[in-house]
Amino acid sequence: MADLSSLRDVKVMVIDDSNTIRRSAEIFLVQAGCQVVLAEDGFDALAKIADHQPKVIFCDIMMPRLDGYQTCAIIKRNEKFAATPIIMLSSKDCVFDKARGRMVGSEEYLTKP
């Protein structure tokens, strides 16, 4: 099993329009010792990010109003968060989606089960 001690007290933001995904991610991350900030969409995330200053962001791609690509691009344009790692989450495992995520500044791409 991986050593999760390096995650202790790391503040992580999870952006997903699915309450189930948000809560599941929260449970796993809290068990690993992380502090978790939840956002239900891109606008909610943008409203919370300055106050919470997460060290890592997990961002769903398919969301209403402001999708994950747009959210990622806006976050990365902010000088304060340009170096914050963003991991895109999607139910699709397509090369195009991964490439588009890289183009807007995401560091990784994870496929949801």
C-alpha atoms as a PDB file:
ATOM      1  CA  MET A   1       0.000   0.000   0.000  1.00  0.00           C
ATOM      2  CA  ALA A   2       1.240   3.511  -0.839  1.00  0.00           C
ATOM      3  CA  ASP A   3       2.515   5.767   1.927  1.00  0.00           C
ATOM      4  CA  LEU A   4      -0.124   8.464   2.332  1.00  0.00           C
ATOM      5  CA  SER A   5       1.628  10.338   5.155  1.00  0.00           C
ATOM      6  CA  SER A   6       2.750  13.028   2.705  1.00  0.00           C
ATOM      7  CA  LEU A   7      -0.929  13.920   2.168  1.00  0.00           C
ATOM      8  CA  ARG A   8      -1.540  14.856   5.817  1.00  0.00           C
ATOM      9  CA  ASP A   9      -3.198  18.253   6.048  1.00  0.00           C
ATOM     10  CA  VAL A  10      -2.993  18.904   2.303  1.00  0.00           C
ATOM     11  CA  LYS A  11      -5.976  20.985   1.247  1.00  0.00           C
ATOM     12  CA  VAL A  12      -7.706  19.445  -1.786  1.00  0.00           C
ATOM     13  CA  MET A  13     -10.605  20.876  -3.779  1.00  0.00           C
ATOM     14  CA  VAL A  14     -13.029  18.505  -5.520  1.00  0.00           C
ATOM     15  CA  ILE A  15     -15.184  20.084  -8.236  1.00  0.00           C
ATOM     16  CA  ASP A  16     -17.965  17.843  -9.516  1.00  0.00           C
ATOM     17  CA  ASP A  17     -21.668  18.314 -10.194  1.00  0.00           C
ATOM     18  CA  SER A  18     -22.374  14.797  -8.892  1.00  0.00           C
ATOM     19  CA  ASN A  19     -23.052  14.772  -5.165  1.00  0.00           C
ATOM     20  CA  THR A  20     -22.118  11.072  -5.094  1.00  0.00           C
ATOM     21  CA  ILE A  21     -18.697  11.694  -6.644  1.00  0.00           C
ATOM     22  CA  ARG A  22     -18.030  14.689  -4.378  1.00  0.00           C
ATOM     23  CA  ARG A  23     -18.929  12.761  -1.223  1.00  0.00           C
ATOM     24  CA  SER A  24     -17.019   9.619  -2.275  1.00  0.00           C
ATOM     25  CA  ALA A  25     -13.911  11.660  -3.037  1.00  0.00           C
ATOM     26  CA  GLU A  26     -14.290  13.477   0.273  1.00  0.00           C
ATOM     27  CA  ILE A  27     -14.432  10.199   2.209  1.00  0.00           C
ATOM     28  CA  PHE A  28     -11.287   8.800   0.546  1.00  0.00           C
ATOM     29  CA  LEU A  29      -9.331  12.040   0.850  1.00  0.00           C
ATOM     30  CA  VAL A  30     -10.278  12.612   4.500  1.00  0.00           C
ATOM     31  CA  GLN A  31      -9.229   9.032   5.285  1.00  0.00           C
ATOM     32  CA  ALA A  32      -5.853   9.889   3.718  1.00  0.00           C
ATOM     33  CA  GLY A  33      -5.585  12.883   6.045  1.00  0.00           C
ATOM     34  CA  CYS A  34      -6.450  15.638   3.584  1.00  0.00           C
ATOM     35  CA  GLN A  35      -8.556  18.693   4.223  1.00  0.00           C
ATOM     36  CA  VAL A  36     -11.287  18.740   1.577  1.00  0.00           C
ATOM     37  CA  VAL A  37     -13.173  21.617  -0.010  1.00  0.00           C
ATOM     38  CA  LEU A  38     -16.155  20.652  -2.171  1.00  0.00           C
ATOM     39  CA  ALA A  39     -17.539  22.637  -5.103  1.00  0.00           C
ATOM     40  CA  GLU A  40     -20.611  21.627  -7.102  1.00  0.00           C
ATOM     41  CA  ASP A  41     -19.553  23.344 -10.339  1.00  0.00           C
ATOM     42  CA  GLY A  42     -16.986  25.694 -11.832  1.00  0.00           C
ATOM     43  CA  PHE A  43     -18.658  28.865 -10.572  1.00  0.00           C
ATOM     44  CA  ASP A  44     -18.838  27.478  -7.040  1.00  0.00           C
ATOM     45  CA  ALA A  45     -15.140  26.543  -7.251  1.00  0.00           C
ATOM     46  CA  LEU A  46     -14.132  30.004  -8.462  1.00  0.00           C
ATOM     47  CA  ALA A  47     -16.067  31.558  -5.579  1.00  0.00           C
ATOM     48  CA  LYS A  48     -14.236  29.352  -3.032  1.00  0.00           C
ATOM     49  CA  ILE A  49     -10.718  28.998  -4.381  1.00  0.00           C
ATOM     50  CA  ALA A  50      -9.237  32.279  -3.093  1.00  0.00           C
ATOM     51  CA  ASP A  51     -10.539  31.716   0.434  1.00  0.00           C
ATOM     52  CA  HIS A  52      -9.415  28.084   0.688  1.00  0.00           C
ATOM     53  CA  GLN A  53      -6.250  28.057  -1.479  1.00  0.00           C
ATOM     54  CA  PRO A  54      -6.141  24.319  -2.233  1.00  0.00           C
ATOM     55  CA  LYS A  55      -2.820  22.662  -3.020  1.00  0.00           C
ATOM     56  CA  VAL A  56      -4.427  20.181  -5.456  1.00  0.00           C
ATOM     57  CA  ILE A  57      -7.664  20.365  -7.459  1.00  0.00           C
ATOM     58  CA  PHE A  58      -9.727  17.509  -8.885  1.00  0.00           C
ATOM     59  CA  CYS A  59     -12.083  18.841 -11.550  1.00  0.00           C
ATOM     60  CA  ASP A  60     -14.864  17.058 -13.415  1.00  0.00           C
ATOM     61  CA  ILE A  61     -15.057  17.853 -17.126  1.00  0.00           C
ATOM     62  CA  MET A  62     -18.776  17.556 -17.871  1.00  0.00           C
ATOM     63  CA  MET A  63     -20.564  20.116 -15.680  1.00  0.00           C
ATOM     64  CA  PRO A  64     -23.401  22.537 -16.359  1.00  0.00           C
ATOM     65  CA  ARG A  65     -22.825  26.296 -16.749  1.00  0.00           C
ATOM     66  CA  LEU A  66     -19.012  26.196 -16.706  1.00  0.00           C
ATOM     67  CA  ASP A  67     -17.359  22.956 -17.783  1.00  0.00           C
ATOM     68  CA  GLY A  68     -14.114  21.571 -16.399  1.00  0.00           C
ATOM     69  CA  TYR A  69     -11.985  22.813 -19.296  1.00  0.00           C
ATOM     70  CA  GLN A  70     -13.226  26.373 -18.821  1.00  0.00           C
ATOM     71  CA  THR A  71     -12.831  26.130 -15.050  1.00  0.00           C
ATOM     72  CA  CYS A  72      -9.274  24.831 -15.376  1.00  0.00           C
ATOM     73  CA  ALA A  73      -8.322  27.551 -17.869  1.00  0.00           C
ATOM     74  CA  ILE A  74      -9.683  30.311 -15.605  1.00  0.00           C
ATOM     75  CA  ILE A  75      -7.885  28.936 -12.547  1.00  0.00           C
ATOM     76  CA  LYS A  76      -4.596  28.592 -14.438  1.00  0.00           C
ATOM     77  CA  ARG A  77      -4.828  32.185 -15.726  1.00  0.00           C
ATOM     78  CA  ASN A  78      -4.747  33.404 -12.118  1.00  0.00           C
ATOM     79  CA  GLU A  79      -1.093  33.949 -11.201  1.00  0.00           C
ATOM     80  CA  LYS A  80      -1.732  32.777  -7.634  1.00  0.00           C
ATOM     81  CA  PHE A  81      -3.007  29.358  -8.810  1.00  0.00           C
ATOM     82  CA  ALA A  82      -1.050  28.851 -12.041  1.00  0.00           C
ATOM     83  CA  ALA A  83       1.213  26.279 -10.360  1.00  0.00           C
ATOM     84  CA  THR A  84      -1.608  24.470  -8.513  1.00  0.00           C
ATOM     85  CA  PRO A  85      -1.934  20.948  -9.949  1.00  0.00           C
ATOM     86  CA  ILE A  86      -5.316  20.244 -11.527  1.00  0.00           C
ATOM     87  CA  ILE A  87      -6.384  16.670 -12.197  1.00  0.00           C
ATOM     88  CA  MET A  88      -9.235  16.388 -14.679  1.00  0.00           C
ATOM     89  CA  LEU A  89     -11.900  13.749 -13.970  1.00  0.00           C
ATOM     90  CA  SER A  90     -14.056  12.224 -16.666  1.00  0.00           C
ATOM     91  CA  SER A  91     -16.118   9.174 -17.444  1.00  0.00           C
ATOM     92  CA  LYS A  92     -14.648   9.314 -20.980  1.00  0.00           C
ATOM     93  CA  ASP A  93     -11.229   7.849 -21.752  1.00  0.00           C
ATOM     94  CA  CYS A  94     -10.516   9.594 -25.035  1.00  0.00           C
ATOM     95  CA  VAL A  95      -7.151  10.853 -26.299  1.00  0.00           C
ATOM     96  CA  PHE A  96      -8.823  14.078 -27.470  1.00  0.00           C
ATOM     97  CA  ASP A  97     -10.187  14.798 -23.975  1.00  0.00           C
ATOM     98  CA  LYS A  98      -6.784  14.180 -22.407  1.00  0.00           C
ATOM     99  CA  ALA A  99      -5.077  16.464 -24.931  1.00  0.00           C
ATOM    100  CA  ARG A 100      -7.675  19.189 -24.417  1.00  0.00           C
ATOM    101  CA  GLY A 101      -7.118  18.951 -20.658  1.00  0.00           C
ATOM    102  CA  ARG A 102      -3.379  19.457 -21.159  1.00  0.00           C
ATOM    103  CA  MET A 103      -4.041  22.435 -23.418  1.00  0.00           C
ATOM    104  CA  VAL A 104      -5.942  24.248 -20.652  1.00  0.00           C
ATOM    105  CA  GLY A 105      -3.273  23.474 -18.069  1.00  0.00           C
ATOM    106  CA  SER A 106      -4.234  20.275 -16.274  1.00  0.00           C
ATOM    107  CA  GLU A 107      -1.416  18.068 -15.037  1.00  0.00           C
ATOM    108  CA  GLU A 108      -3.262  14.733 -15.075  1.00  0.00           C
ATOM    109  CA  TYR A 109      -6.405  13.078 -16.345  1.00  0.00           C
ATOM    110  CA  LEU A 110      -8.217  10.355 -14.428  1.00  0.00           C
ATOM    111  CA  THR A 111     -11.079   8.253 -15.732  1.00  0.00           C
ATOM    112  CA  LYS A 112     -13.949   7.757 -13.304  1.00  0.00           C
ATOM    113  CA  PRO A 113     -15.027   4.165 -12.729  1.00  0.00           C
END
